[in-house]
Protein backbone atom coordinates (compact mmCIF):
# COMPACT_ATOMS: atom_id res chain seq x y z
CA MET A 1 127.88 10.29 -69.51
CA THR A 2 129.98 12.96 -67.86
CA GLU A 3 129.10 16.62 -67.63
CA THR A 4 131.94 17.54 -70.02
CA SER A 5 130.70 15.05 -72.59
CA SER A 6 127.17 16.40 -72.31
CA THR A 7 128.45 19.96 -72.68
CA THR A 8 130.47 18.96 -75.74
CA GLN A 9 127.44 17.31 -77.32
CA ASP A 10 125.34 20.39 -76.61
CA ALA A 11 128.01 22.59 -78.18
CA ASP A 12 128.19 20.32 -81.22
CA ALA A 13 124.41 20.40 -81.61
CA ALA A 14 124.41 24.20 -81.33
CA PHE A 15 127.24 24.41 -83.88
CA LEU A 16 125.33 22.22 -86.35
CA ASP A 17 122.18 24.25 -85.75
CA LEU A 18 124.05 27.45 -86.64
CA HIS A 19 125.14 25.90 -89.93
CA ALA A 20 121.57 24.82 -90.64
CA GLN A 21 120.41 28.39 -89.99
CA ARG A 22 123.15 29.69 -92.30
CA GLU A 23 122.09 27.33 -95.07
CA ALA A 24 118.41 28.30 -94.74
CA LEU A 25 119.28 32.01 -94.79
CA GLU A 26 121.48 31.58 -97.86
CA ARG A 27 118.65 29.82 -99.70
CA GLN A 28 116.17 32.55 -98.75
CA LEU A 29 118.69 35.17 -99.82
CA SER A 30 119.11 33.51 -103.21
CA LEU A 31 115.36 33.48 -103.73
CA ALA A 32 115.07 37.14 -102.73
CA GLN A 33 117.81 38.05 -105.20
CA LEU A 34 116.03 36.13 -107.96
CA ARG A 35 112.80 37.98 -107.15
CA GLN A 36 114.72 41.26 -107.43
CA GLN A 37 116.13 40.28 -110.78
CA PHE A 38 113.04 38.70 -112.30
CA GLY A 39 110.20 40.35 -110.37
CA THR A 40 107.11 41.20 -112.37
CA GLY A 41 106.35 44.51 -110.69
CA GLN A 42 108.07 47.33 -108.88
CA ASP A 43 106.31 46.46 -105.62
CA GLU A 44 107.55 42.88 -105.75
CA VAL A 45 111.10 44.04 -106.50
CA ALA A 46 110.96 46.56 -103.64
CA ARG A 47 109.74 43.86 -101.20
CA ALA A 48 112.52 41.54 -102.38
CA THR A 49 115.08 44.29 -101.82
CA SER A 50 113.80 44.91 -98.32
CA GLU A 51 113.78 41.19 -97.59
CA GLU A 52 117.35 40.90 -98.90
CA GLN A 53 118.54 43.60 -96.49
CA SER A 54 116.88 41.84 -93.57
CA LEU A 55 118.30 38.46 -94.59
CA LEU A 56 121.80 39.91 -94.96
CA LEU A 57 121.64 41.24 -91.41
CA SER A 58 120.50 37.86 -90.12
CA LEU A 59 123.18 36.06 -92.12
CA ASP A 60 125.85 38.38 -90.72
CA ARG A 61 124.66 37.61 -87.19
CA VAL A 62 124.72 33.84 -87.79
CA LEU A 63 128.14 33.94 -89.44
CA THR A 64 129.51 35.90 -86.49
CA LEU A 65 128.14 33.25 -84.13
CA ILE A 66 129.67 30.50 -86.28
CA ARG A 67 133.09 32.19 -86.19
CA ALA A 68 132.84 32.46 -82.39
CA ALA A 69 131.80 28.81 -82.09
CA GLU A 70 134.66 27.71 -84.36
CA TYR A 71 137.12 29.64 -82.23
CA LYS A 72 135.79 28.01 -79.05
CA ARG A 73 136.27 24.58 -80.63
CA GLN A 74 140.02 25.15 -81.04
CA PRO A 75 142.30 23.54 -78.47
CA ASN A 76 143.47 25.97 -75.76
CA SER A 77 141.19 28.72 -77.04
CA ARG A 78 141.04 31.75 -74.82
CA ARG A 79 137.88 32.29 -72.79
CA TRP A 80 136.92 35.86 -72.00
């Protein structure tokens, strides 16, 4: 296996890992939103709201990384 092939496989694994992180965050976000909507107490709703904010920040970070990884996968993509 050549170094380029190994690098490509590493990049593919990292790309797939980012999508797995995105999926997990989206599921957690859905659950937090359900807890906000159907929470039994104000404390639970407040915790769900706080968790939602944190999850949204994490999701934004992962989506930004995915966009960067997708760009790098394009042929002749510019490297800064």
